[in-house]
Amino acid sequence: MKKRILAMILTAAMSLSMVGCGGNNKQTQNATPTAEGGNNPYVLKMNLAKGPNSPYYAIWDQFCKEVEDRSEGTLKMELYASEALGNTVDMVEAAAKGAAVLQDCDPSHLADYVPDFSVFMHPYLFSKPEDIETLWKSELGGNMMEELEAQGLHVVTMVYFGTRHLISDKKIETRDDTKGMKLRCAPTKMWNEVINVLGGEATNTAWSEVYTALSQGVADGAESPVGILYDSKLQECVKHLSLTGHLIATSSIVMSEDVYQSLPDAAKKAIDEVGSEWPAINMDLVKDIEAEYTEKMLAEGVEVNEITDRDSFVEASKSVSNAFPEWTPGLYDSVMEVIAS
């Protein structure tokens, strides 16, 4: 089963187009599933932040196909690249209000509805990609999912997005090396905390502007998985990739809880089964992407180095919980217990 899907994704990657699963790239305002009677399928639109040329696009194209194939004719899945339906924040909100869309997002977007979700973004919390699925499927994770459902959102899957590293204008080996460096991050509390853990100064810049920021010295470095760094051509601006490994990053797929509950049993079963299986399938593919794009970085003259004092970064991360009094008391320790068991 897993090998079959991997083979299909590799085939799909060779023939990427703007839309997968029978969709198109026109914007739509549909807010409910479409089933016009008889055996017509319900239409679910997946809004993807990644572009059609992203190394991650083919993974979600195949995800849609797999859900549709298993739905026994009850679902038609349409995939839209580059946030064609709207930006991620707006589409998560639309789903919470009942729109028939699926949206990929990091868990910090879900923290706007249930604050505990931002723990998935805690630097140096997860030690391996499997920890994401372990937490998601644990009793603790289940409680978080129930709270989110009460806010109108249903988690379809939570998967490994990649390990985030730092690309910058100088080699970083210890936390002291980042002192005074302006490191780009998104303008959220958790991302500012990530930069604090790295030891730099947070510079809030939109990702679409990060190339310019690095080129003009507005920022000295940026962090993300290697595939994203390369796809954004940041290796043209700075030539040091330091493997800080500060975050085993999570990507979530969410949809409307009301829409999910309104679907036929066969449709819900397909969503549940594929969503449950996808973390393992996705993990292998993302690891391949990371290896491939690290080699591409090297080929373009980027120096790739390990950090020599990981303990100093990890120690700095232990105070992150203090910045989140809205979390359930003891959340960090509870998560550590879950992933250690």
C-alpha atoms as a PDB file:
ATOM      1  CA  MET A   1       0.000   0.000   0.000  1.00  0.00           C
ATOM      2  CA  LYS A   2       2.650   2.504   1.071  1.00  0.00           C
ATOM      3  CA  LYS A   3       4.959   1.546  -1.830  1.00  0.00           C
ATOM      4  CA  ARG A   4       2.057   1.910  -4.274  1.00  0.00           C
ATOM      5  CA  ILE A   5       1.340   5.462  -3.123  1.00  0.00           C
ATOM      6  CA  LEU A   6       5.033   6.392  -3.183  1.00  0.00           C
ATOM      7  CA  ALA A   7       5.293   5.181  -6.781  1.00  0.00           C
ATOM      8  CA  MET A   8       2.188   7.150  -7.764  1.00  0.00           C
ATOM      9  CA  ILE A   9       3.566  10.329  -6.203  1.00  0.00           C
ATOM     10  CA  LEU A  10       6.851   9.993  -8.066  1.00  0.00           C
ATOM     11  CA  THR A  11       4.897   9.619 -11.302  1.00  0.00           C
ATOM     12  CA  ALA A  12       2.721  12.622 -10.462  1.00  0.00           C
ATOM     13  CA  ALA A  13       5.771  14.754  -9.735  1.00  0.00           C
ATOM     14  CA  MET A  14       6.833  14.410 -13.363  1.00  0.00           C
ATOM     15  CA  SER A  15       3.607  15.906 -14.669  1.00  0.00           C
ATOM     16  CA  LEU A  16       2.745  18.732 -12.269  1.00  0.00           C
ATOM     17  CA  SER A  17       0.148  21.245 -13.346  1.00  0.00           C
ATOM     18  CA  MET A  18      -1.552  24.150 -11.603  1.00  0.00           C
ATOM     19  CA  VAL A  19      -4.330  21.940 -10.302  1.00  0.00           C
ATOM     20  CA  GLY A  20      -4.596  18.308  -9.298  1.00  0.00           C
ATOM     21  CA  CYS A  21      -7.554  15.995  -8.748  1.00  0.00           C
ATOM     22  CA  GLY A  22      -9.631  17.461 -11.571  1.00  0.00           C
ATOM     23  CA  GLY A  23      -9.649  21.051 -10.299  1.00  0.00           C
ATOM     24  CA  ASN A  24      -8.776  24.327 -11.972  1.00  0.00           C
ATOM     25  CA  ASN A  25      -7.060  27.500 -10.867  1.00  0.00           C
ATOM     26  CA  LYS A  26     -10.093  29.806 -10.855  1.00  0.00           C
ATOM     27  CA  GLN A  27     -11.100  31.293  -7.528  1.00  0.00           C
ATOM     28  CA  THR A  28     -14.338  30.096  -6.017  1.00  0.00           C
ATOM     29  CA  GLN A  29     -16.641  31.237  -3.243  1.00  0.00           C
ATOM     30  CA  ASN A  30     -18.401  27.901  -2.640  1.00  0.00           C
ATOM     31  CA  ALA A  31     -19.015  27.616   1.096  1.00  0.00           C
ATOM     32  CA  THR A  32     -20.758  24.229   1.265  1.00  0.00           C
ATOM     33  CA  PRO A  33     -20.268  20.777  -0.225  1.00  0.00           C
ATOM     34  CA  THR A  34     -21.824  20.385  -3.660  1.00  0.00           C
ATOM     35  CA  ALA A  35     -24.062  17.411  -4.300  1.00  0.00           C
ATOM     36  CA  GLU A  36     -26.809  18.146  -6.778  1.00  0.00           C
ATOM     37  CA  GLY A  37     -28.722  14.966  -6.269  1.00  0.00           C
ATOM     38  CA  GLY A  38     -28.401  11.396  -7.512  1.00  0.00           C
ATOM     39  CA  ASN A  39     -24.896  10.058  -7.333  1.00  0.00           C
ATOM     40  CA  ASN A  40     -23.117  13.375  -7.843  1.00  0.00           C
ATOM     41  CA  PRO A  41     -20.098  13.639  -5.517  1.00  0.00           C
ATOM     42  CA  TYR A  42     -19.508  16.269  -2.882  1.00  0.00           C
ATOM     43  CA  VAL A  43     -16.824  18.767  -3.963  1.00  0.00           C
ATOM     44  CA  LEU A  44     -14.057  19.642  -1.515  1.00  0.00           C
ATOM     45  CA  LYS A  45     -11.453  22.225  -2.490  1.00  0.00           C
ATOM     46  CA  MET A  46      -7.965  22.048  -0.999  1.00  0.00           C
ATOM     47  CA  ASN A  47      -6.135  25.388  -0.852  1.00  0.00           C
ATOM     48  CA  LEU A  48      -2.391  24.818  -0.761  1.00  0.00           C
ATOM     49  CA  ALA A  49       0.127  27.469   0.247  1.00  0.00           C
ATOM     50  CA  LYS A  50       2.825  25.786  -1.864  1.00  0.00           C
ATOM     51  CA  GLY A  51       3.240  26.642  -5.532  1.00  0.00           C
ATOM     52  CA  PRO A  52       2.851  24.119  -8.367  1.00  0.00           C
ATOM     53  CA  ASN A  53       6.639  23.852  -8.746  1.00  0.00           C
ATOM     54  CA  SER A  54       7.251  23.275  -5.039  1.00  0.00           C
ATOM     55  CA  PRO A  55       8.847  19.917  -4.228  1.00  0.00           C
ATOM     56  CA  TYR A  56       5.939  19.347  -1.822  1.00  0.00           C
ATOM     57  CA  TYR A  57       3.130  19.899  -4.336  1.00  0.00           C
ATOM     58  CA  ALA A  58       3.070  16.353  -5.737  1.00  0.00           C
ATOM     59  CA  ILE A  59       2.625  14.918  -2.236  1.00  0.00           C
ATOM     60  CA  TRP A  60      -0.651  16.783  -1.709  1.00  0.00           C
ATOM     61  CA  ASP A  61      -1.783  16.199  -5.281  1.00  0.00           C
ATOM     62  CA  GLN A  62      -1.579  12.474  -4.583  1.00  0.00           C
ATOM     63  CA  PHE A  63      -3.222  12.911  -1.173  1.00  0.00           C
ATOM     64  CA  CYS A  64      -6.280  14.389  -2.898  1.00  0.00           C
ATOM     65  CA  LYS A  65      -6.344  11.598  -5.469  1.00  0.00           C
ATOM     66  CA  GLU A  66      -6.115   8.949  -2.755  1.00  0.00           C
ATOM     67  CA  VAL A  67      -8.999  10.443  -0.749  1.00  0.00           C
ATOM     68  CA  GLU A  68     -11.133  10.718  -3.871  1.00  0.00           C
ATOM     69  CA  ASP A  69     -10.328   7.168  -4.993  1.00  0.00           C
ATOM     70  CA  ARG A  70     -11.300   5.691  -1.625  1.00  0.00           C
ATOM     71  CA  SER A  71     -14.510   7.676  -1.231  1.00  0.00           C
ATOM     72  CA  GLU A  72     -16.574   5.266  -3.328  1.00  0.00           C
ATOM     73  CA  GLY A  73     -17.640   8.059  -5.647  1.00  0.00           C
ATOM     74  CA  THR A  74     -18.886  10.349  -2.858  1.00  0.00           C
ATOM     75  CA  LEU A  75     -16.089  12.957  -3.123  1.00  0.00           C
ATOM     76  CA  LYS A  76     -14.484  15.068  -5.814  1.00  0.00           C
ATOM     77  CA  MET A  77     -11.268  16.655  -4.582  1.00  0.00           C
ATOM     78  CA  GLU A  78      -9.866  19.798  -6.208  1.00  0.00           C
ATOM     79  CA  LEU A  79      -6.377  21.087  -5.397  1.00  0.00           C
ATOM     80  CA  TYR A  80      -5.491  24.785  -5.774  1.00  0.00           C
ATOM     81  CA  ALA A  81      -1.844  25.894  -5.593  1.00  0.00           C
ATOM     82  CA  SER A  82      -0.281  29.148  -4.371  1.00  0.00           C
ATOM     83  CA  GLU A  83      -3.234  30.090  -2.136  1.00  0.00           C
ATOM     84  CA  ALA A  84      -5.440  30.553  -5.212  1.00  0.00           C
ATOM     85  CA  LEU A  85      -8.593  30.501  -3.073  1.00  0.00           C
ATOM     86  CA  GLY A  86      -7.274  32.998  -0.529  1.00  0.00           C
ATOM     87  CA  ASN A  87      -4.489  33.411   2.015  1.00  0.00           C
ATOM     88  CA  THR A  88      -4.008  30.757   4.664  1.00  0.00           C
ATOM     89  CA  VAL A  89      -5.321  32.773   7.633  1.00  0.00           C
ATOM     90  CA  ASP A  90      -8.504  33.712   5.785  1.00  0.00           C
ATOM     91  CA  MET A  91      -9.120  30.178   4.549  1.00  0.00           C
ATOM     92  CA  VAL A  92      -8.657  28.622   7.991  1.00  0.00           C
ATOM     93  CA  GLU A  93     -11.216  31.125   9.263  1.00  0.00           C
ATOM     94  CA  ALA A  94     -13.526  30.312   6.335  1.00  0.00           C
ATOM     95  CA  ALA A  95     -13.301  26.613   7.158  1.00  0.00           C
ATOM     96  CA  ALA A  96     -14.136  27.324  10.800  1.00  0.00           C
ATOM     97  CA  LYS A  97     -17.259  29.121   9.574  1.00  0.00           C
ATOM     98  CA  GLY A  98     -18.345  26.215   7.359  1.00  0.00           C
ATOM     99  CA  ALA A  99     -16.621  26.594   3.978  1.00  0.00           C
ATOM    100  CA  ALA A 100     -16.027  23.332   2.116  1.00  0.00           C
ATOM    101  CA  VAL A 101     -12.268  23.785   1.897  1.00  0.00           C
ATOM    102  CA  LEU A 102      -9.201  22.017   3.206  1.00  0.00           C
ATOM    103  CA  GLN A 103      -6.228  24.205   4.127  1.00  0.00           C
ATOM    104  CA  ASP A 104      -2.615  23.377   4.882  1.00  0.00           C
ATOM    105  CA  CYS A 105      -1.101  25.393   7.719  1.00  0.00           C
ATOM    106  CA  ASP A 106       1.404  25.149  10.508  1.00  0.00           C
ATOM    107  CA  PRO A 107      -0.155  24.637  13.968  1.00  0.00           C
ATOM    108  CA  SER A 108       0.439  28.261  14.959  1.00  0.00           C
ATOM    109  CA  HIS A 109      -2.653  29.085  12.880  1.00  0.00           C
ATOM    110  CA  LEU A 110      -4.662  26.630  14.981  1.00  0.00           C
ATOM    111  CA  ALA A 111      -3.389  28.278  18.167  1.00  0.00           C
ATOM    112  CA  ASP A 112      -5.651  31.208  17.304  1.00  0.00           C
ATOM    113  CA  TYR A 113      -8.523  28.836  18.159  1.00  0.00           C
ATOM    114  CA  VAL A 114      -6.917  26.536  20.764  1.00  0.00           C
ATOM    115  CA  PRO A 115      -3.736  28.069  22.254  1.00  0.00           C
ATOM    116  CA  ASP A 116      -2.150  24.704  23.123  1.00  0.00           C
ATOM    117  CA  PHE A 117      -1.584  23.943  19.425  1.00  0.00           C
ATOM    118  CA  SER A 118       1.412  26.274  19.313  1.00  0.00           C
ATOM    119  CA  VAL A 119       3.326  23.706  21.377  1.00  0.00           C
ATOM    120  CA  PHE A 120       3.797  21.818  18.086  1.00  0.00           C
ATOM    121  CA  MET A 121       6.063  24.734  17.084  1.00  0.00           C
ATOM    122  CA  HIS A 122       8.166  24.644  20.267  1.00  0.00           C
ATOM    123  CA  PRO A 123      11.875  24.603  19.310  1.00  0.00           C
ATOM    124  CA  TYR A 124      13.820  21.492  20.258  1.00  0.00           C
ATOM    125  CA  LEU A 125      10.694  19.768  21.614  1.00  0.00           C
ATOM    126  CA  PHE A 126      10.435  16.977  19.037  1.00  0.00           C
ATOM    127  CA  SER A 127      13.575  14.948  18.466  1.00  0.00           C
ATOM    128  CA  LYS A 128      12.384  12.998  15.417  1.00  0.00           C
ATOM    129  CA  PRO A 129       9.601  13.283  12.803  1.00  0.00           C
ATOM    130  CA  GLU A 130       7.644  10.387  14.298  1.00  0.00           C
ATOM    131  CA  ASP A 131       7.007  12.486  17.427  1.00  0.00           C
ATOM    132  CA  ILE A 132       4.469  14.573  15.489  1.00  0.00           C
ATOM    133  CA  GLU A 133       2.199  11.614  14.795  1.00  0.00           C
ATOM    134  CA  THR A 134       2.717  10.280  18.320  1.00  0.00           C
ATOM    135  CA  LEU A 135       1.439  13.512  19.848  1.00  0.00           C
ATOM    136  CA  TRP A 136      -1.398  13.931  17.345  1.00  0.00           C
ATOM    137  CA  LYS A 137      -2.755  10.430  18.006  1.00  0.00           C
ATOM    138  CA  SER A 138      -2.230  10.482  21.780  1.00  0.00           C
ATOM    139  CA  GLU A 139      -4.905  11.122  24.405  1.00  0.00           C
ATOM    140  CA  LEU A 140      -3.390  14.575  24.945  1.00  0.00           C
ATOM    141  CA  GLY A 141      -3.553  15.282  21.223  1.00  0.00           C
ATOM    142  CA  GLY A 142      -7.088  13.953  21.073  1.00  0.00           C
ATOM    143  CA  ASN A 143      -8.187  16.415  23.740  1.00  0.00           C
ATOM    144  CA  MET A 144      -6.702  19.249  21.710  1.00  0.00           C
ATOM    145  CA  MET A 145      -8.532  18.018  18.590  1.00  0.00           C
ATOM    146  CA  GLU A 146     -11.857  17.959  20.468  1.00  0.00           C
ATOM    147  CA  GLU A 147     -11.335  21.543  21.626  1.00  0.00           C
ATOM    148  CA  LEU A 148     -10.585  22.556  18.052  1.00  0.00           C
ATOM    149  CA  GLU A 149     -13.715  20.799  16.761  1.00  0.00           C
ATOM    150  CA  ALA A 150     -15.753  22.856  19.207  1.00  0.00           C
ATOM    151  CA  GLN A 151     -14.272  25.908  17.444  1.00  0.00           C
ATOM    152  CA  GLY A 152     -15.445  24.596  14.064  1.00  0.00           C
ATOM    153  CA  LEU A 153     -12.246  22.998  12.736  1.00  0.00           C
ATOM    154  CA  HIS A 154     -11.465  19.351  12.033  1.00  0.00           C
ATOM    155  CA  VAL A 155      -7.883  18.093  11.724  1.00  0.00           C
ATOM    156  CA  VAL A 156      -7.552  15.756   8.748  1.00  0.00           C
ATOM    157  CA  THR A 157      -3.866  14.979   9.255  1.00  0.00           C
ATOM    158  CA  MET A 158      -0.681  16.264  10.877  1.00  0.00           C
ATOM    159  CA  VAL A 159       2.568  15.475   9.092  1.00  0.00           C
ATOM    160  CA  TYR A 160       6.294  16.161   9.033  1.00  0.00           C
ATOM    161  CA  PHE A 161       7.056  19.270   6.975  1.00  0.00           C
ATOM    162  CA  GLY A 162      10.836  19.149   7.373  1.00  0.00           C
ATOM    163  CA  THR A 163      13.560  20.036   9.839  1.00  0.00           C
ATOM    164  CA  ARG A 164      14.186  23.774   9.987  1.00  0.00           C
ATOM    165  CA  HIS A 165      17.746  25.060   9.698  1.00  0.00           C
ATOM    166  CA  LEU A 166      19.410  28.470   9.454  1.00  0.00           C
ATOM    167  CA  ILE A 167      20.798  29.943   6.231  1.00  0.00           C
ATOM    168  CA  SER A 168      22.861  33.081   6.794  1.00  0.00           C
ATOM    169  CA  ASP A 169      25.793  35.243   5.811  1.00  0.00           C
ATOM    170  CA  LYS A 170      28.192  33.458   8.170  1.00  0.00           C
ATOM    171  CA  LYS A 171      28.873  30.024   9.616  1.00  0.00           C
ATOM    172  CA  ILE A 172      26.976  29.294  12.845  1.00  0.00           C
ATOM    173  CA  GLU A 173      28.362  26.674  15.224  1.00  0.00           C
ATOM    174  CA  THR A 174      27.347  27.932  18.666  1.00  0.00           C
ATOM    175  CA  ARG A 175      24.575  30.141  20.013  1.00  0.00           C
ATOM    176  CA  ASP A 176      27.099  32.918  20.606  1.00  0.00           C
ATOM    177  CA  ASP A 177      27.671  33.082  16.840  1.00  0.00           C
ATOM    178  CA  THR A 178      24.168  34.459  16.220  1.00  0.00           C
ATOM    179  CA  LYS A 179      24.498  37.313  18.711  1.00  0.00           C
ATOM    180  CA  GLY A 180      23.408  40.563  17.066  1.00  0.00           C
ATOM    181  CA  MET A 181      22.297  38.839  13.857  1.00  0.00           C
ATOM    182  CA  LYS A 182      18.975  39.912  12.341  1.00  0.00           C
ATOM    183  CA  LEU A 183      17.087  36.688  11.654  1.00  0.00           C
ATOM    184  CA  ARG A 184      13.892  36.743   9.620  1.00  0.00           C
ATOM    185  CA  CYS A 185      10.722  35.291  11.099  1.00  0.00           C
ATOM    186  CA  ALA A 186       6.959  35.615  10.809  1.00  0.00           C
ATOM    187  CA  PRO A 187       5.311  38.191  13.121  1.00  0.00           C
ATOM    188  CA  THR A 188       3.941  35.807  15.762  1.00  0.00           C
ATOM    189  CA  LYS A 189       4.876  35.266  19.379  1.00  0.00           C
ATOM    190  CA  MET A 190       6.114  31.711  18.833  1.00  0.00           C
ATOM    191  CA  TRP A 191       8.276  32.617  15.836  1.00  0.00           C
ATOM    192  CA  ASN A 192       9.839  35.459  17.810  1.00  0.00           C
ATOM    193  CA  GLU A 193      10.568  32.942  20.568  1.00  0.00           C
ATOM    194  CA  VAL A 194      12.205  30.618  18.025  1.00  0.00           C
ATOM    195  CA  ILE A 195      14.586  33.415  17.040  1.00  0.00           C
ATOM    196  CA  ASN A 196      15.279  34.144  20.709  1.00  0.00           C
ATOM    197  CA  VAL A 197      16.255  30.495  21.163  1.00  0.00           C
ATOM    198  CA  LEU A 198      18.574  30.744  18.159  1.00  0.00           C
ATOM    199  CA  GLY A 199      20.179  33.744  19.864  1.00  0.00           C
ATOM    200  CA  GLY A 200      19.502  36.346  17.185  1.00  0.00           C
ATOM    201  CA  GLU A 201      17.268  39.391  16.843  1.00  0.00           C
ATOM    202  CA  ALA A 202      13.837  38.764  15.337  1.00  0.00           C
ATOM    203  CA  THR A 203      13.180  40.635  12.090  1.00  0.00           C
ATOM    204  CA  ASN A 204       9.531  40.301  11.071  1.00  0.00           C
ATOM    205  CA  THR A 205       9.391  40.054   7.294  1.00  0.00           C
ATOM    206  CA  ALA A 206       6.884  38.393   4.968  1.00  0.00           C
ATOM    207  CA  TRP A 207       8.322  35.264   3.362  1.00  0.00           C
ATOM    208  CA  SER A 208       7.694  36.779  -0.058  1.00  0.00           C
ATOM    209  CA  GLU A 209      10.142  39.544   0.886  1.00  0.00           C
ATOM    210  CA  VAL A 210      12.864  37.420   2.484  1.00  0.00           C
ATOM    211  CA  TYR A 211      15.032  37.234  -0.683  1.00  0.00           C
ATOM    212  CA  THR A 212      15.113  41.021  -0.883  1.00  0.00           C
ATOM    213  CA  ALA A 213      15.718  41.317   2.865  1.00  0.00           C
ATOM    214  CA  LEU A 214      18.776  39.066   2.650  1.00  0.00           C
ATOM    215  CA  SER A 215      20.033  40.732  -0.527  1.00  0.00           C
ATOM    216  CA  GLN A 216      19.837  44.206   0.996  1.00  0.00           C
ATOM    217  CA  GLY A 217      21.066  43.333   4.486  1.00  0.00           C
ATOM    218  CA  VAL A 218      17.716  43.971   6.150  1.00  0.00           C
ATOM    219  CA  ALA A 219      18.114  40.418   7.464  1.00  0.00           C
ATOM    220  CA  ASP A 220      21.313  38.429   8.027  1.00  0.00           C
ATOM    221  CA  GLY A 221      19.649  35.034   7.945  1.00  0.00           C
ATOM    222  CA  ALA A 222      16.438  33.052   7.647  1.00  0.00           C
ATOM    223  CA  GLU A 223      15.259  29.661   8.823  1.00  0.00           C
ATOM    224  CA  SER A 224      13.126  27.010   7.143  1.00  0.00           C
ATOM    225  CA  PRO A 225      13.371  23.448   5.826  1.00  0.00           C
ATOM    226  CA  VAL A 226      16.074  23.043   3.172  1.00  0.00           C
ATOM    227  CA  GLY A 227      13.559  22.463   0.359  1.00  0.00           C
ATOM    228  CA  ILE A 228      11.832  25.769   1.076  1.00  0.00           C
ATOM    229  CA  LEU A 229      15.120  27.673   1.437  1.00  0.00           C
ATOM    230  CA  TYR A 230      16.323  26.382  -1.917  1.00  0.00           C
ATOM    231  CA  ASP A 231      12.969  26.816  -3.665  1.00  0.00           C
ATOM    232  CA  SER A 232      13.066  30.478  -2.556  1.00  0.00           C
ATOM    233  CA  LYS A 233      16.576  30.828  -4.063  1.00  0.00           C
ATOM    234  CA  LEU A 234      18.043  32.121  -0.796  1.00  0.00           C
ATOM    235  CA  GLN A 235      21.311  30.353  -1.643  1.00  0.00           C
ATOM    236  CA  GLU A 236      21.847  33.133  -4.176  1.00  0.00           C
ATOM    237  CA  CYS A 237      21.999  35.676  -1.325  1.00  0.00           C
ATOM    238  CA  VAL A 238      23.883  33.931   1.469  1.00  0.00           C
ATOM    239  CA  LYS A 239      26.198  30.932   1.417  1.00  0.00           C
ATOM    240  CA  HIS A 240      26.149  29.301   4.856  1.00  0.00           C
ATOM    241  CA  LEU A 241      23.617  26.639   5.827  1.00  0.00           C
ATOM    242  CA  SER A 242      23.999  25.766   9.500  1.00  0.00           C
ATOM    243  CA  LEU A 243      22.135  22.617  10.547  1.00  0.00           C
ATOM    244  CA  THR A 244      20.632  23.968  13.755  1.00  0.00           C
ATOM    245  CA  GLY A 245      17.735  21.489  13.539  1.00  0.00           C
ATOM    246  CA  HIS A 246      15.787  23.769  15.865  1.00  0.00           C
ATOM    247  CA  LEU A 247      12.360  22.591  14.809  1.00  0.00           C
ATOM    248  CA  ILE A 248      10.962  19.285  13.587  1.00  0.00           C
ATOM    249  CA  ALA A 249       8.241  21.148  11.736  1.00  0.00           C
ATOM    250  CA  THR A 250       4.580  20.158  11.464  1.00  0.00           C
ATOM    251  CA  SER A 251       2.123  20.800   8.659  1.00  0.00           C
ATOM    252  CA  SER A 252      -1.583  20.392   9.387  1.00  0.00           C
ATOM    253  CA  ILE A 253      -4.504  19.876   7.034  1.00  0.00           C
ATOM    254  CA  VAL A 254      -7.764  21.210   8.461  1.00  0.00           C
ATOM    255  CA  MET A 255     -11.350  21.462   7.268  1.00  0.00           C
ATOM    256  CA  SER A 256     -14.739  22.511   8.611  1.00  0.00           C
ATOM    257  CA  GLU A 257     -16.044  20.258  11.379  1.00  0.00           C
ATOM    258  CA  ASP A 258     -19.627  20.923  10.221  1.00  0.00           C
ATOM    259  CA  VAL A 259     -18.758  19.995   6.632  1.00  0.00           C
ATOM    260  CA  TYR A 260     -16.942  16.853   7.783  1.00  0.00           C
ATOM    261  CA  GLN A 261     -19.952  15.737   9.831  1.00  0.00           C
ATOM    262  CA  SER A 262     -22.309  16.423   6.895  1.00  0.00           C
ATOM    263  CA  LEU A 263     -20.458  14.068   4.535  1.00  0.00           C
ATOM    264  CA  PRO A 264     -21.569  10.504   3.716  1.00  0.00           C
ATOM    265  CA  ASP A 265     -19.956   7.748   5.786  1.00  0.00           C
ATOM    266  CA  ALA A 266     -17.850   6.577   2.836  1.00  0.00           C
ATOM    267  CA  ALA A 267     -16.425  10.088   2.422  1.00  0.00           C
ATOM    268  CA  LYS A 268     -15.616  10.443   6.122  1.00  0.00           C
ATOM    269  CA  LYS A 269     -14.002   7.006   6.124  1.00  0.00           C
ATOM    270  CA  ALA A 270     -11.786   7.934   3.162  1.00  0.00           C
ATOM    271  CA  ILE A 271     -10.689  11.177   4.825  1.00  0.00           C
ATOM    272  CA  ASP A 272     -10.026   9.413   8.125  1.00  0.00           C
ATOM    273  CA  GLU A 273      -8.071   6.516   6.623  1.00  0.00           C
ATOM    274  CA  VAL A 274      -5.872   8.536   4.277  1.00  0.00           C
ATOM    275  CA  GLY A 275      -5.324  11.223   6.910  1.00  0.00           C
ATOM    276  CA  SER A 276      -4.218   8.595   9.420  1.00  0.00           C
ATOM    277  CA  GLU A 277      -1.838   6.909   6.973  1.00  0.00           C
ATOM    278  CA  TRP A 278      -0.319  10.077   5.523  1.00  0.00           C
ATOM    279  CA  PRO A 279       2.197  10.940   8.279  1.00  0.00           C
ATOM    280  CA  ALA A 280       4.288   7.836   7.522  1.00  0.00           C
ATOM    281  CA  ILE A 281       3.970   8.209   3.742  1.00  0.00           C
ATOM    282  CA  ASN A 282       4.742  11.925   3.837  1.00  0.00           C
ATOM    283  CA  MET A 283       7.711  11.494   6.180  1.00  0.00           C
ATOM    284  CA  ASP A 284       9.666   9.305   3.752  1.00  0.00           C
ATOM    285  CA  LEU A 285       8.997  11.678   0.861  1.00  0.00           C
ATOM    286  CA  VAL A 286      10.025  14.766   2.828  1.00  0.00           C
ATOM    287  CA  LYS A 287      13.251  13.087   3.948  1.00  0.00           C
ATOM    288  CA  ASP A 288      14.036  12.422   0.273  1.00  0.00           C
ATOM    289  CA  ILE A 289      13.338  16.085  -0.540  1.00  0.00           C
ATOM    290  CA  GLU A 290      15.666  17.217   2.262  1.00  0.00           C
ATOM    291  CA  ALA A 291      18.502  15.002   1.027  1.00  0.00           C
ATOM    292  CA  GLU A 292      18.028  16.094  -2.587  1.00  0.00           C
ATOM    293  CA  TYR A 293      17.933  19.809  -1.815  1.00  0.00           C
ATOM    294  CA  THR A 294      20.890  19.689   0.544  1.00  0.00           C
ATOM    295  CA  GLU A 295      22.890  18.271  -2.367  1.00  0.00           C
ATOM    296  CA  LYS A 296      21.602  21.085  -4.587  1.00  0.00           C
ATOM    297  CA  MET A 297      22.722  23.625  -1.990  1.00  0.00           C
ATOM    298  CA  LEU A 298      26.214  22.115  -1.989  1.00  0.00           C
ATOM    299  CA  ALA A 299      26.302  22.122  -5.787  1.00  0.00           C
ATOM    300  CA  GLU A 300      25.604  25.868  -5.770  1.00  0.00           C
ATOM    301  CA  GLY A 301      28.495  26.637  -3.472  1.00  0.00           C
ATOM    302  CA  VAL A 302      26.698  26.727  -0.131  1.00  0.00           C
ATOM    303  CA  GLU A 303      28.776  25.621   2.853  1.00  0.00           C
ATOM    304  CA  VAL A 304      26.768  23.183   4.989  1.00  0.00           C
ATOM    305  CA  ASN A 305      27.866  22.649   8.585  1.00  0.00           C
ATOM    306  CA  GLU A 306      26.696  20.970  11.774  1.00  0.00           C
ATOM    307  CA  ILE A 307      26.457  23.027  14.961  1.00  0.00           C
ATOM    308  CA  THR A 308      29.044  22.142  17.608  1.00  0.00           C
ATOM    309  CA  ASP A 309      27.189  23.222  20.745  1.00  0.00           C
ATOM    310  CA  ARG A 310      23.611  21.996  20.415  1.00  0.00           C
ATOM    311  CA  ASP A 311      23.184  21.977  24.200  1.00  0.00           C
ATOM    312  CA  SER A 312      23.309  25.773  24.387  1.00  0.00           C
ATOM    313  CA  PHE A 313      20.371  26.048  21.967  1.00  0.00           C
ATOM    314  CA  VAL A 314      18.390  23.333  23.734  1.00  0.00           C
ATOM    315  CA  GLU A 315      18.943  24.943  27.123  1.00  0.00           C
ATOM    316  CA  ALA A 316      17.674  28.283  25.801  1.00  0.00           C
ATOM    317  CA  SER A 317      14.512  26.582  24.537  1.00  0.00           C
ATOM    318  CA  LYS A 318      13.479  25.448  27.999  1.00  0.00           C
ATOM    319  CA  SER A 319      12.174  28.901  28.913  1.00  0.00           C
ATOM    320  CA  VAL A 320       9.817  29.176  25.906  1.00  0.00           C
ATOM    321  CA  SER A 321       6.799  28.006  27.932  1.00  0.00           C
ATOM    322  CA  ASN A 322       7.117  31.120  30.108  1.00  0.00           C
ATOM    323  CA  ALA A 323       5.990  33.219  27.147  1.00  0.00           C
ATOM    324  CA  PHE A 324       2.702  31.282  26.890  1.00  0.00           C
ATOM    325  CA  PRO A 325       0.686  31.648  30.108  1.00  0.00           C
ATOM    326  CA  GLU A 326      -2.406  30.810  28.047  1.00  0.00           C
ATOM    327  CA  TRP A 327      -1.241  27.201  27.660  1.00  0.00           C
ATOM    328  CA  THR A 328      -2.699  24.448  29.805  1.00  0.00           C
ATOM    329  CA  PRO A 329      -0.483  24.272  32.929  1.00  0.00           C
ATOM    330  CA  GLY A 330       2.302  21.725  32.519  1.00  0.00           C
ATOM    331  CA  LEU A 331       1.702  21.343  28.753  1.00  0.00           C
ATOM    332  CA  TYR A 332       5.389  21.138  27.819  1.00  0.00           C
ATOM    333  CA  ASP A 333       6.071  18.416  30.393  1.00  0.00           C
ATOM    334  CA  SER A 334       2.933  16.524  29.326  1.00  0.00           C
ATOM    335  CA  VAL A 335       4.076  16.529  25.705  1.00  0.00           C
ATOM    336  CA  MET A 336       7.532  15.343  26.713  1.00  0.00           C
ATOM    337  CA  GLU A 337       5.949  12.416  28.580  1.00  0.00           C
ATOM    338  CA  VAL A 338       3.838  11.478  25.557  1.00  0.00           C
ATOM    339  CA  ILE A 339       6.678  11.445  23.038  1.00  0.00           C
ATOM    340  CA  ALA A 340       9.029   9.668  25.463  1.00  0.00           C
ATOM    341  CA  SER A 341       6.589   6.815  26.099  1.00  0.00           C
END
